[in-house]
Amino acid sequence: MEALSRLITSSLPHYLENLPVPKSIGGIFKLDHNQVLQLVPLVATTSVVVYALVKCFMPKKDEMVNLEKDKHKEKVADFVEIEDIGDKAVFCRCWRSKKVGMRISYFLCMVIA
């Protein structure tokens, strides 16, 4: 734990303090190759952290949304009487919510707009 504390409190601030960070976008092109090499660990670490966060929090494309409701049906459709709707209505499937299904049949959320 002492090594981690030393890294965070003294080594990392000293490293960041000595980085040749350009003051403008055009300053990037004025860096010599040694200064660019000094920036590589910071850019690589930042890139890996951002990639990992995006990968963790972005949904997978192949992931099914409906995990349990009416799996035996090829197509799930609900019918609503048009007279009951009014002027406008917005429908959304609340597949993940267990509470909605207990109050409104078939996990159908109807919001009158």
PDB file of N, CA and C in Angstrom:
ATOM      1  N   MET A   1       0.822  -1.184   0.000  1.00  0.00           N
ATOM      2  CA  MET A   1       0.000   0.000   0.000  1.00  0.00           C
ATOM      3  C   MET A   1       0.868   1.249   0.000  1.00  0.00           C
ATOM      4  N   GLU A   2       2.033   1.134   0.622  1.00  0.00           N
ATOM      5  CA  GLU A   2       2.949   2.276   0.670  1.00  0.00           C
ATOM      6  C   GLU A   2       3.452   2.632  -0.724  1.00  0.00           C
ATOM      7  N   ALA A   3       3.690   1.630  -1.548  1.00  0.00           N
ATOM      8  CA  ALA A   3       4.160   1.888  -2.913  1.00  0.00           C
ATOM      9  C   ALA A   3       3.087   2.617  -3.726  1.00  0.00           C
ATOM     10  N   LEU A   4       1.839   2.208  -3.578  1.00  0.00           N
ATOM     11  CA  LEU A   4       0.745   2.874  -4.280  1.00  0.00           C
ATOM     12  C   LEU A   4       0.588   4.320  -3.808  1.00  0.00           C
ATOM     13  N   SER A   5       0.720   4.525  -2.519  1.00  0.00           N
ATOM     14  CA  SER A   5       0.634   5.873  -1.962  1.00  0.00           C
ATOM     15  C   SER A   5       1.747   6.760  -2.504  1.00  0.00           C
ATOM     16  N   ARG A   6       2.964   6.231  -2.552  1.00  0.00           N
ATOM     17  CA  ARG A   6       4.099   6.995  -3.076  1.00  0.00           C
ATOM     18  C   ARG A   6       3.903   7.310  -4.563  1.00  0.00           C
ATOM     19  N   LEU A   7       3.372   6.337  -5.307  1.00  0.00           N
ATOM     20  CA  LEU A   7       3.119   6.541  -6.731  1.00  0.00           C
ATOM     21  C   LEU A   7       2.126   7.691  -6.951  1.00  0.00           C
ATOM     22  N   ILE A   8       1.036   7.679  -6.201  1.00  0.00           N
ATOM     23  CA  ILE A   8      -0.014   8.687  -6.388  1.00  0.00           C
ATOM     24  C   ILE A   8       0.400  10.053  -5.856  1.00  0.00           C
ATOM     25  N   THR A   9       1.095  10.097  -4.721  1.00  0.00           N
ATOM     26  CA  THR A   9       1.400  11.387  -4.097  1.00  0.00           C
ATOM     27  C   THR A   9       2.671  12.057  -4.601  1.00  0.00           C
ATOM     28  N   SER A  10       3.640  11.287  -5.063  1.00  0.00           N
ATOM     29  CA  SER A  10       4.870  11.962  -5.498  1.00  0.00           C
ATOM     30  C   SER A  10       5.299  11.629  -6.925  1.00  0.00           C
ATOM     31  N   SER A  11       5.297  10.369  -7.310  1.00  0.00           N
ATOM     32  CA  SER A  11       5.800   9.995  -8.635  1.00  0.00           C
ATOM     33  C   SER A  11       4.906  10.498  -9.762  1.00  0.00           C
ATOM     34  N   LEU A  12       3.619  10.272  -9.640  1.00  0.00           N
ATOM     35  CA  LEU A  12       2.696  10.668 -10.694  1.00  0.00           C
ATOM     36  C   LEU A  12       2.633  12.190 -10.877  1.00  0.00           C
ATOM     37  N   PRO A  13       2.502  12.983  -9.808  1.00  0.00           N
ATOM     38  CA  PRO A  13       2.513  14.432 -10.011  1.00  0.00           C
ATOM     39  C   PRO A  13       3.824  14.939 -10.621  1.00  0.00           C
ATOM     40  N   HIS A  14       4.955  14.352 -10.211  1.00  0.00           N
ATOM     41  CA  HIS A  14       6.246  14.751 -10.769  1.00  0.00           C
ATOM     42  C   HIS A  14       6.309  14.417 -12.263  1.00  0.00           C
ATOM     43  N   TYR A  15       5.803  13.223 -12.637  1.00  0.00           N
ATOM     44  CA  TYR A  15       5.785  12.818 -14.041  1.00  0.00           C
ATOM     45  C   TYR A  15       4.913  13.771 -14.860  1.00  0.00           C
ATOM     46  N   LEU A  16       3.705  14.045 -14.375  1.00  0.00           N
ATOM     47  CA  LEU A  16       2.788  14.912 -15.104  1.00  0.00           C
ATOM     48  C   LEU A  16       3.308  16.346 -15.202  1.00  0.00           C
ATOM     49  N   GLU A  17       3.980  16.785 -14.170  1.00  0.00           N
ATOM     50  CA  GLU A  17       4.536  18.147 -14.146  1.00  0.00           C
ATOM     51  C   GLU A  17       5.604  18.345 -15.215  1.00  0.00           C
ATOM     52  N   ASN A  18       6.344  17.303 -15.519  1.00  0.00           N
ATOM     53  CA  ASN A  18       7.452  17.400 -16.472  1.00  0.00           C
ATOM     54  C   ASN A  18       7.060  17.025 -17.908  1.00  0.00           C
ATOM     55  N   LEU A  19       5.800  16.763 -18.168  1.00  0.00           N
ATOM     56  CA  LEU A  19       5.384  16.422 -19.530  1.00  0.00           C
ATOM     57  C   LEU A  19       5.394  17.662 -20.426  1.00  0.00           C
ATOM     58  N   PRO A  20       5.846  17.503 -21.660  1.00  0.00           N
ATOM     59  CA  PRO A  20       5.865  18.632 -22.592  1.00  0.00           C
ATOM     60  C   PRO A  20       4.511  18.803 -23.296  1.00  0.00           C
ATOM     61  N   VAL A  21       3.495  19.218 -22.553  1.00  0.00           N
ATOM     62  CA  VAL A  21       2.154  19.372 -23.121  1.00  0.00           C
ATOM     63  C   VAL A  21       2.106  20.691 -23.888  1.00  0.00           C
ATOM     64  N   PRO A  22       1.781  20.638 -25.184  1.00  0.00           N
ATOM     65  CA  PRO A  22       1.733  21.873 -25.979  1.00  0.00           C
ATOM     66  C   PRO A  22       0.570  22.770 -25.557  1.00  0.00           C
ATOM     67  N   LYS A  23       0.748  24.068 -25.753  1.00  0.00           N
ATOM     68  CA  LYS A  23      -0.266  25.047 -25.345  1.00  0.00           C
ATOM     69  C   LYS A  23      -1.389  25.171 -26.377  1.00  0.00           C
ATOM     70  N   SER A  24      -1.150  24.716 -27.615  1.00  0.00           N
ATOM     71  CA  SER A  24      -2.174  24.800 -28.654  1.00  0.00           C
ATOM     72  C   SER A  24      -2.117  23.547 -29.524  1.00  0.00           C
ATOM     73  N   ILE A  25      -3.092  23.411 -30.405  1.00  0.00           N
ATOM     74  CA  ILE A  25      -3.122  22.268 -31.327  1.00  0.00           C
ATOM     75  C   ILE A  25      -1.911  22.312 -32.253  1.00  0.00           C
ATOM     76  N   GLY A  26      -1.564  23.496 -32.728  1.00  0.00           N
ATOM     77  CA  GLY A  26      -0.412  23.630 -33.610  1.00  0.00           C
ATOM     78  C   GLY A  26       0.899  23.297 -32.917  1.00  0.00           C
ATOM     79  N   GLY A  27       0.910  23.420 -31.586  1.00  0.00           N
ATOM     80  CA  GLY A  27       2.117  23.100 -30.822  1.00  0.00           C
ATOM     81  C   GLY A  27       2.477  21.631 -30.868  1.00  0.00           C
ATOM     82  N   ILE A  28       1.507  20.785 -31.173  1.00  0.00           N
ATOM     83  CA  ILE A  28       1.777  19.344 -31.272  1.00  0.00           C
ATOM     84  C   ILE A  28       2.799  19.075 -32.374  1.00  0.00           C
ATOM     85  N   PHE A  29       2.697  19.832 -33.469  1.00  0.00           N
ATOM     86  CA  PHE A  29       3.592  19.609 -34.612  1.00  0.00           C
ATOM     87  C   PHE A  29       4.985  20.176 -34.372  1.00  0.00           C
ATOM     88  N   LYS A  30       5.146  20.992 -33.332  1.00  0.00           N
ATOM     89  CA  LYS A  30       6.448  21.573 -33.018  1.00  0.00           C
ATOM     90  C   LYS A  30       7.242  20.728 -32.030  1.00  0.00           C
ATOM     91  N   LEU A  31       6.650  19.677 -31.514  1.00  0.00           N
ATOM     92  CA  LEU A  31       7.357  18.809 -30.566  1.00  0.00           C
ATOM     93  C   LEU A  31       8.411  17.986 -31.301  1.00  0.00           C
ATOM     94  N   ASP A  32       9.578  17.834 -30.658  1.00  0.00           N
ATOM     95  CA  ASP A  32      10.577  16.953 -31.271  1.00  0.00           C
ATOM     96  C   ASP A  32      10.252  15.500 -30.897  1.00  0.00           C
ATOM     97  N   HIS A  33      10.997  14.570 -31.440  1.00  0.00           N
ATOM     98  CA  HIS A  33      10.606  13.161 -31.273  1.00  0.00           C
ATOM     99  C   HIS A  33      10.797  12.687 -29.834  1.00  0.00           C
ATOM    100  N   ASN A  34      11.726  13.245 -29.075  1.00  0.00           N
ATOM    101  CA  ASN A  34      11.884  12.865 -27.658  1.00  0.00           C
ATOM    102  C   ASN A  34      10.685  13.329 -26.831  1.00  0.00           C
ATOM    103  N   GLN A  35      10.166  14.508 -27.127  1.00  0.00           N
ATOM    104  CA  GLN A  35       8.991  15.006 -26.410  1.00  0.00           C
ATOM    105  C   GLN A  35       7.754  14.171 -26.742  1.00  0.00           C
ATOM    106  N   VAL A  36       7.647  13.744 -27.982  1.00  0.00           N
ATOM    107  CA  VAL A  36       6.524  12.885 -28.378  1.00  0.00           C
ATOM    108  C   VAL A  36       6.611  11.554 -27.636  1.00  0.00           C
ATOM    109  N   LEU A  37       7.802  11.007 -27.511  1.00  0.00           N
ATOM    110  CA  LEU A  37       7.988   9.747 -26.785  1.00  0.00           C
ATOM    111  C   LEU A  37       7.622   9.897 -25.308  1.00  0.00           C
ATOM    112  N   GLN A  38       7.835  11.076 -24.744  1.00  0.00           N
ATOM    113  CA  GLN A  38       7.454  11.303 -23.347  1.00  0.00           C
ATOM    114  C   GLN A  38       5.931  11.291 -23.177  1.00  0.00           C
ATOM    115  N   LEU A  39       5.215  11.683 -24.210  1.00  0.00           N
ATOM    116  CA  LEU A  39       3.751  11.729 -24.146  1.00  0.00           C
ATOM    117  C   LEU A  39       3.087  10.378 -24.424  1.00  0.00           C
ATOM    118  N   VAL A  40       3.818   9.441 -25.022  1.00  0.00           N
ATOM    119  CA  VAL A  40       3.242   8.147 -25.415  1.00  0.00           C
ATOM    120  C   VAL A  40       2.620   7.386 -24.239  1.00  0.00           C
ATOM    121  N   PRO A  41       3.287   7.248 -23.080  1.00  0.00           N
ATOM    122  CA  PRO A  41       2.647   6.498 -21.984  1.00  0.00           C
ATOM    123  C   PRO A  41       1.332   7.125 -21.512  1.00  0.00           C
ATOM    124  N   LEU A  42       1.289   8.451 -21.429  1.00  0.00           N
ATOM    125  CA  LEU A  42       0.067   9.122 -20.997  1.00  0.00           C
ATOM    126  C   LEU A  42      -1.058   8.918 -22.012  1.00  0.00           C
ATOM    127  N   VAL A  43      -0.766   9.086 -23.284  1.00  0.00           N
ATOM    128  CA  VAL A  43      -1.780   8.918 -24.332  1.00  0.00           C
ATOM    129  C   VAL A  43      -2.247   7.458 -24.390  1.00  0.00           C
ATOM    130  N   ALA A  44      -1.323   6.527 -24.281  1.00  0.00           N
ATOM    131  CA  ALA A  44      -1.686   5.101 -24.328  1.00  0.00           C
ATOM    132  C   ALA A  44      -2.551   4.721 -23.128  1.00  0.00           C
ATOM    133  N   THR A  45      -2.182   5.159 -21.948  1.00  0.00           N
ATOM    134  CA  THR A  45      -2.955   4.839 -20.743  1.00  0.00           C
ATOM    135  C   THR A  45      -4.350   5.449 -20.811  1.00  0.00           C
ATOM    136  N   THR A  46      -4.422   6.701 -21.232  1.00  0.00           N
ATOM    137  CA  THR A  46      -5.715   7.361 -21.364  1.00  0.00           C
ATOM    138  C   THR A  46      -6.581   6.646 -22.390  1.00  0.00           C
ATOM    139  N   SER A  47      -6.001   6.247 -23.499  1.00  0.00           N
ATOM    140  CA  SER A  47      -6.750   5.537 -24.537  1.00  0.00           C
ATOM    141  C   SER A  47      -7.296   4.203 -24.032  1.00  0.00           C
ATOM    142  N   VAL A  48      -6.485   3.468 -23.298  1.00  0.00           N
ATOM    143  CA  VAL A  48      -6.917   2.165 -22.770  1.00  0.00           C
ATOM    144  C   VAL A  48      -8.050   2.352 -21.761  1.00  0.00           C
ATOM    145  N   VAL A  49      -7.942   3.349 -20.896  1.00  0.00           N
ATOM    146  CA  VAL A  49      -8.981   3.589 -19.898  1.00  0.00           C
ATOM    147  C   VAL A  49     -10.293   3.987 -20.574  1.00  0.00           C
ATOM    148  N   VAL A  50     -10.230   4.893 -21.546  1.00  0.00           N
ATOM    149  CA  VAL A  50     -11.439   5.317 -22.259  1.00  0.00           C
ATOM    150  C   VAL A  50     -12.048   4.142 -23.011  1.00  0.00           C
ATOM    151  N   TYR A  51     -11.234   3.348 -23.681  1.00  0.00           N
ATOM    152  CA  TYR A  51     -11.737   2.179 -24.412  1.00  0.00           C
ATOM    153  C   TYR A  51     -12.415   1.196 -23.464  1.00  0.00           C
ATOM    154  N   ALA A  52     -11.802   0.938 -22.314  1.00  0.00           N
ATOM    155  CA  ALA A  52     -12.376  -0.006 -21.357  1.00  0.00           C
ATOM    156  C   ALA A  52     -13.708   0.500 -20.819  1.00  0.00           C
ATOM    157  N   LEU A  53     -13.789   1.789 -20.526  1.00  0.00           N
ATOM    158  CA  LEU A  53     -15.045   2.351 -20.029  1.00  0.00           C
ATOM    159  C   LEU A  53     -16.146   2.286 -21.078  1.00  0.00           C
ATOM    160  N   VAL A  54     -15.811   2.628 -22.309  1.00  0.00           N
ATOM    161  CA  VAL A  54     -16.803   2.572 -23.383  1.00  0.00           C
ATOM    162  C   VAL A  54     -17.250   1.135 -23.605  1.00  0.00           C
ATOM    163  N   LYS A  55     -16.322   0.206 -23.594  1.00  0.00           N
ATOM    164  CA  LYS A  55     -16.645  -1.206 -23.816  1.00  0.00           C
ATOM    165  C   LYS A  55     -17.538  -1.752 -22.707  1.00  0.00           C
ATOM    166  N   CYS A  56     -17.316  -1.298 -21.479  1.00  0.00           N
ATOM    167  CA  CYS A  56     -18.119  -1.779 -20.350  1.00  0.00           C
ATOM    168  C   CYS A  56     -19.539  -1.248 -20.373  1.00  0.00           C
ATOM    169  N   PHE A  57     -19.702   0.010 -20.745  1.00  0.00           N
ATOM    170  CA  PHE A  57     -20.998   0.646 -20.613  1.00  0.00           C
ATOM    171  C   PHE A  57     -21.822   0.682 -21.890  1.00  0.00           C
ATOM    172  N   MET A  58     -21.264   0.356 -23.029  1.00  0.00           N
ATOM    173  CA  MET A  58     -22.034   0.316 -24.273  1.00  0.00           C
ATOM    174  C   MET A  58     -22.720  -1.043 -24.385  1.00  0.00           C
ATOM    175  N   PRO A  59     -23.988  -1.071 -24.788  1.00  0.00           N
ATOM    176  CA  PRO A  59     -24.675  -2.357 -24.928  1.00  0.00           C
ATOM    177  C   PRO A  59     -24.122  -3.150 -26.112  1.00  0.00           C
ATOM    178  N   LYS A  60     -24.192  -4.446 -25.979  1.00  0.00           N
ATOM    179  CA  LYS A  60     -23.741  -5.311 -27.068  1.00  0.00           C
ATOM    180  C   LYS A  60     -24.818  -5.355 -28.140  1.00  0.00           C
ATOM    181  N   LYS A  61     -24.406  -5.365 -29.393  1.00  0.00           N
ATOM    182  CA  LYS A  61     -25.369  -5.348 -30.496  1.00  0.00           C
ATOM    183  C   LYS A  61     -26.144  -6.659 -30.592  1.00  0.00           C
ATOM    184  N   ASP A  62     -25.532  -7.762 -30.243  1.00  0.00           N
ATOM    185  CA  ASP A  62     -26.181  -9.062 -30.369  1.00  0.00           C
ATOM    186  C   ASP A  62     -27.066  -9.394 -29.166  1.00  0.00           C
ATOM    187  N   GLU A  63     -27.024  -8.562 -28.152  1.00  0.00           N
ATOM    188  CA  GLU A  63     -27.778  -8.848 -26.941  1.00  0.00           C
ATOM    189  C   GLU A  63     -29.273  -8.689 -27.198  1.00  0.00           C
ATOM    190  N   MET A  64     -30.037  -9.668 -26.798  1.00  0.00           N
ATOM    191  CA  MET A  64     -31.480  -9.621 -26.982  1.00  0.00           C
ATOM    192  C   MET A  64     -32.087  -8.718 -25.912  1.00  0.00           C
ATOM    193  N   VAL A  65     -33.086  -7.960 -26.298  1.00  0.00           N
ATOM    194  CA  VAL A  65     -33.764  -7.076 -25.361  1.00  0.00           C
ATOM    195  C   VAL A  65     -34.819  -7.844 -24.586  1.00  0.00           C
ATOM    196  N   ASN A  66     -35.616  -8.616 -25.287  1.00  0.00           N
ATOM    197  CA  ASN A  66     -36.672  -9.397 -24.655  1.00  0.00           C
ATOM    198  C   ASN A  66     -36.083 -10.724 -24.197  1.00  0.00           C
ATOM    199  N   LEU A  67     -35.871 -10.850 -22.898  1.00  0.00           N
ATOM    200  CA  LEU A  67     -35.245 -12.065 -22.388  1.00  0.00           C
ATOM    201  C   LEU A  67     -36.252 -13.115 -21.918  1.00  0.00           C
ATOM    202  N   GLU A  68     -37.529 -12.707 -21.686  1.00  0.00           N
ATOM    203  CA  GLU A  68     -38.448 -13.681 -21.113  1.00  0.00           C
ATOM    204  C   GLU A  68     -39.900 -13.571 -21.576  1.00  0.00           C
ATOM    205  N   LYS A  69     -40.344 -12.473 -22.093  1.00  0.00           N
ATOM    206  CA  LYS A  69     -41.759 -12.271 -22.372  1.00  0.00           C
ATOM    207  C   LYS A  69     -42.144 -12.838 -23.736  1.00  0.00           C
ATOM    208  N   ASP A  70     -43.083 -13.756 -23.750  1.00  0.00           N
ATOM    209  CA  ASP A  70     -43.634 -14.357 -24.971  1.00  0.00           C
ATOM    210  C   ASP A  70     -42.558 -14.865 -25.931  1.00  0.00           C
ATOM    211  N   LYS A  71     -41.643 -15.624 -25.424  1.00  0.00           N
ATOM    212  CA  LYS A  71     -40.549 -16.146 -26.252  1.00  0.00           C
ATOM    213  C   LYS A  71     -41.050 -17.161 -27.278  1.00  0.00           C
ATOM    214  N   HIS A  72     -42.208 -17.756 -27.031  1.00  0.00           N
ATOM    215  CA  HIS A  72     -42.739 -18.756 -27.954  1.00  0.00           C
ATOM    216  C   HIS A  72     -43.351 -18.128 -29.200  1.00  0.00           C
ATOM    217  N   LYS A  73     -43.630 -16.823 -29.170  1.00  0.00           N
ATOM    218  CA  LYS A  73     -44.236 -16.160 -30.321  1.00  0.00           C
ATOM    219  C   LYS A  73     -43.164 -15.609 -31.250  1.00  0.00           C
ATOM    220  N   GLU A  74     -43.425 -15.690 -32.536  1.00  0.00           N
ATOM    221  CA  GLU A  74     -42.492 -15.140 -33.516  1.00  0.00           C
ATOM    222  C   GLU A  74     -42.533 -13.617 -33.489  1.00  0.00           C
ATOM    223  N   LYS A  75     -43.739 -13.071 -33.344  1.00  0.00           N
ATOM    224  CA  LYS A  75     -43.910 -11.625 -33.304  1.00  0.00           C
ATOM    225  C   LYS A  75     -44.845 -11.285 -32.149  1.00  0.00           C
ATOM    226  N   VAL A  76     -44.434 -10.337 -31.319  1.00  0.00           N
ATOM    227  CA  VAL A  76     -45.256  -9.913 -30.195  1.00  0.00           C
ATOM    228  C   VAL A  76     -45.952  -8.624 -30.594  1.00  0.00           C
ATOM    229  N   ALA A  77     -47.285  -8.636 -30.562  1.00  0.00           N
ATOM    230  CA  ALA A  77     -48.063  -7.451 -30.930  1.00  0.00           C
ATOM    231  C   ALA A  77     -49.213  -7.287 -29.964  1.00  0.00           C
ATOM    232  N   ASP A  78     -49.525  -6.051 -29.666  1.00  0.00           N
ATOM    233  CA  ASP A  78     -50.645  -5.731 -28.797  1.00  0.00           C
ATOM    234  C   ASP A  78     -51.656  -4.897 -29.576  1.00  0.00           C
ATOM    235  N   PHE A  79     -52.885  -5.024 -29.205  1.00  0.00           N
ATOM    236  CA  PHE A  79     -53.939  -4.262 -29.856  1.00  0.00           C
ATOM    237  C   PHE A  79     -54.565  -3.317 -28.839  1.00  0.00           C
ATOM    238  N   VAL A  80     -54.787  -2.088 -29.262  1.00  0.00           N
ATOM    239  CA  VAL A  80     -55.420  -1.079 -28.418  1.00  0.00           C
ATOM    240  C   VAL A  80     -56.545  -0.459 -29.223  1.00  0.00           C
ATOM    241  N   GLU A  81     -57.684  -0.295 -28.590  1.00  0.00           N
ATOM    242  CA  GLU A  81     -58.816   0.350 -29.256  1.00  0.00           C
ATOM    243  C   GLU A  81     -58.474   1.813 -29.504  1.00  0.00           C
ATOM    244  N   ILE A  82     -58.654   2.271 -30.723  1.00  0.00           N
ATOM    245  CA  ILE A  82     -58.292   3.635 -31.094  1.00  0.00           C
ATOM    246  C   ILE A  82     -59.143   4.669 -30.351  1.00  0.00           C
ATOM    247  N   GLU A  83     -60.358   4.305 -29.979  1.00  0.00           N
ATOM    248  CA  GLU A  83     -61.216   5.227 -29.242  1.00  0.00           C
ATOM    249  C   GLU A  83     -60.677   5.489 -27.839  1.00  0.00           C
ATOM    250  N   ASP A  84     -59.930   4.534 -27.289  1.00  0.00           N
ATOM    251  CA  ASP A  84     -59.386   4.679 -25.939  1.00  0.00           C
ATOM    252  C   ASP A  84     -58.141   5.555 -25.896  1.00  0.00           C
ATOM    253  N   ILE A  85     -57.523   5.796 -27.043  1.00  0.00           N
ATOM    254  CA  ILE A  85     -56.244   6.509 -27.076  1.00  0.00           C
ATOM    255  C   ILE A  85     -56.414   8.013 -26.908  1.00  0.00           C
ATOM    256  N   GLY A  86     -57.309   8.632 -27.603  1.00  0.00           N
ATOM    257  CA  GLY A  86     -57.431  10.082 -27.568  1.00  0.00           C
ATOM    258  C   GLY A  86     -56.741  10.672 -28.783  1.00  0.00           C
ATOM    259  N   ASP A  87     -56.149  11.862 -28.629  1.00  0.00           N
ATOM    260  CA  ASP A  87     -55.508  12.539 -29.763  1.00  0.00           C
ATOM    261  C   ASP A  87     -54.177  11.902 -30.155  1.00  0.00           C
ATOM    262  N   LYS A  88     -53.280  11.727 -29.179  1.00  0.00           N
ATOM    263  CA  LYS A  88     -51.950  11.181 -29.468  1.00  0.00           C
ATOM    264  C   LYS A  88     -51.596  10.126 -28.436  1.00  0.00           C
ATOM    265  N   ALA A  89     -50.750   9.204 -28.827  1.00  0.00           N
ATOM    266  CA  ALA A  89     -50.259   8.207 -27.892  1.00  0.00           C
ATOM    267  C   ALA A  89     -48.866   7.772 -28.301  1.00  0.00           C
ATOM    268  N   VAL A  90     -48.063   7.474 -27.316  1.00  0.00           N
ATOM    269  CA  VAL A  90     -46.713   6.967 -27.544  1.00  0.00           C
ATOM    270  C   VAL A  90     -46.622   5.626 -26.838  1.00  0.00           C
ATOM    271  N   PHE A  91     -46.147   4.613 -27.531  1.00  0.00           N
ATOM    272  CA  PHE A  91     -46.034   3.286 -26.953  1.00  0.00           C
ATOM    273  C   PHE A  91     -44.572   2.880 -26.877  1.00  0.00           C
ATOM    274  N   CYS A  92     -44.221   2.248 -25.771  1.00  0.00           N
ATOM    275  CA  CYS A  92     -42.876   1.687 -25.670  1.00  0.00           C
ATOM    276  C   CYS A  92     -42.959   0.343 -24.970  1.00  0.00           C
ATOM    277  N   ARG A  93     -42.096  -0.549 -25.341  1.00  0.00           N
ATOM    278  CA  ARG A  93     -42.045  -1.856 -24.706  1.00  0.00           C
ATOM    279  C   ARG A  93     -41.100  -1.770 -23.516  1.00  0.00           C
ATOM    280  N   CYS A  94     -41.602  -2.082 -22.366  1.00  0.00           N
ATOM    281  CA  CYS A  94     -40.776  -2.072 -21.167  1.00  0.00           C
ATOM    282  C   CYS A  94     -40.396  -3.512 -20.831  1.00  0.00           C
ATOM    283  N   TRP A  95     -39.558  -4.105 -21.638  1.00  0.00           N
ATOM    284  CA  TRP A  95     -39.219  -5.519 -21.494  1.00  0.00           C
ATOM    285  C   TRP A  95     -38.492  -5.791 -20.189  1.00  0.00           C
ATOM    286  N   ARG A  96     -37.669  -4.863 -19.745  1.00  0.00           N
ATOM    287  CA  ARG A  96     -36.831  -5.113 -18.576  1.00  0.00           C
ATOM    288  C   ARG A  96     -37.552  -4.861 -17.252  1.00  0.00           C
ATOM    289  N   SER A  97     -38.661  -4.157 -17.260  1.00  0.00           N
ATOM    290  CA  SER A  97     -39.333  -3.791 -16.022  1.00  0.00           C
ATOM    291  C   SER A  97     -40.326  -4.867 -15.608  1.00  0.00           C
ATOM    292  N   LYS A  98     -40.165  -5.384 -14.413  1.00  0.00           N
ATOM    293  CA  LYS A  98     -41.083  -6.400 -13.908  1.00  0.00           C
ATOM    294  C   LYS A  98     -42.339  -5.745 -13.330  1.00  0.00           C
ATOM    295  N   LYS A  99     -42.215  -4.539 -12.778  1.00  0.00           N
ATOM    296  CA  LYS A  99     -43.342  -3.870 -12.136  1.00  0.00           C
ATOM    297  C   LYS A  99     -44.404  -3.454 -13.146  1.00  0.00           C
ATOM    298  N   VAL A 100     -44.006  -2.982 -14.299  1.00  0.00           N
ATOM    299  CA  VAL A 100     -44.963  -2.516 -15.296  1.00  0.00           C
ATOM    300  C   VAL A 100     -45.873  -3.657 -15.708  1.00  0.00           C
ATOM    301  N   GLY A 101     -45.329  -4.846 -15.858  1.00  0.00           N
ATOM    302  CA  GLY A 101     -46.119  -5.992 -16.286  1.00  0.00           C
ATOM    303  C   GLY A 101     -47.193  -6.381 -15.298  1.00  0.00           C
ATOM    304  N   MET A 102     -46.997  -6.074 -14.021  1.00  0.00           N
ATOM    305  CA  MET A 102     -47.998  -6.408 -13.023  1.00  0.00           C
ATOM    306  C   MET A 102     -49.174  -5.429 -13.065  1.00  0.00           C
ATOM    307  N   ARG A 103     -48.904  -4.198 -13.450  1.00  0.00           N
ATOM    308  CA  ARG A 103     -49.955  -3.190 -13.486  1.00  0.00           C
ATOM    309  C   ARG A 103     -50.600  -3.079 -14.855  1.00  0.00           C
ATOM    310  N   ILE A 104     -49.815  -3.169 -15.901  1.00  0.00           N
ATOM    311  CA  ILE A 104     -50.319  -3.048 -17.266  1.00  0.00           C
ATOM    312  C   ILE A 104     -49.951  -4.341 -17.982  1.00  0.00           C
ATOM    313  N   SER A 105     -50.916  -5.020 -18.503  1.00  0.00           N
ATOM    314  CA  SER A 105     -50.643  -6.313 -19.100  1.00  0.00           C
ATOM    315  C   SER A 105     -49.696  -6.197 -20.284  1.00  0.00           C
ATOM    316  N   TYR A 106     -48.886  -7.210 -20.436  1.00  0.00           N
ATOM    317  CA  TYR A 106     -47.972  -7.369 -21.565  1.00  0.00           C
ATOM    318  C   TYR A 106     -46.836  -6.365 -21.598  1.00  0.00           C
ATOM    319  N   PHE A 107     -46.488  -5.786 -20.499  1.00  0.00           N
ATOM    320  CA  PHE A 107     -45.397  -4.811 -20.456  1.00  0.00           C
ATOM    321  C   PHE A 107     -45.585  -3.691 -21.468  1.00  0.00           C
ATOM    322  N   LEU A 108     -46.780  -3.220 -21.630  1.00  0.00           N
ATOM    323  CA  LEU A 108     -47.039  -2.155 -22.589  1.00  0.00           C
ATOM    324  C   LEU A 108     -47.216  -0.857 -21.826  1.00  0.00           C
ATOM    325  N   CYS A 109     -46.362   0.107 -22.101  1.00  0.00           N
ATOM    326  CA  CYS A 109     -46.470   1.409 -21.434  1.00  0.00           C
ATOM    327  C   CYS A 109     -47.137   2.349 -22.421  1.00  0.00           C
ATOM    328  N   MET A 110     -48.250   2.908 -22.021  1.00  0.00           N
ATOM    329  CA  MET A 110     -48.917   3.858 -22.892  1.00  0.00           C
ATOM    330  C   MET A 110     -48.854   5.223 -22.228  1.00  0.00           C
ATOM    331  N   VAL A 111     -48.257   6.161 -22.932  1.00  0.00           N
ATOM    332  CA  VAL A 111     -48.143   7.517 -22.419  1.00  0.00           C
ATOM    333  C   VAL A 111     -48.940   8.404 -23.358  1.00  0.00           C
ATOM    334  N   ILE A 112     -49.952   9.017 -22.844  1.00  0.00           N
ATOM    335  CA  ILE A 112     -50.767   9.920 -23.645  1.00  0.00           C
ATOM    336  C   ILE A 112     -50.026  11.246 -23.775  1.00  0.00           C
ATOM    337  N   ALA A 113     -49.694  11.622 -25.002  1.00  0.00           N
ATOM    338  CA  ALA A 113     -48.931  12.850 -25.215  1.00  0.00           C
ATOM    339  C   ALA A 113     -49.837  13.995 -25.613  1.00  0.00           C
TER     340      ALA A 113
END
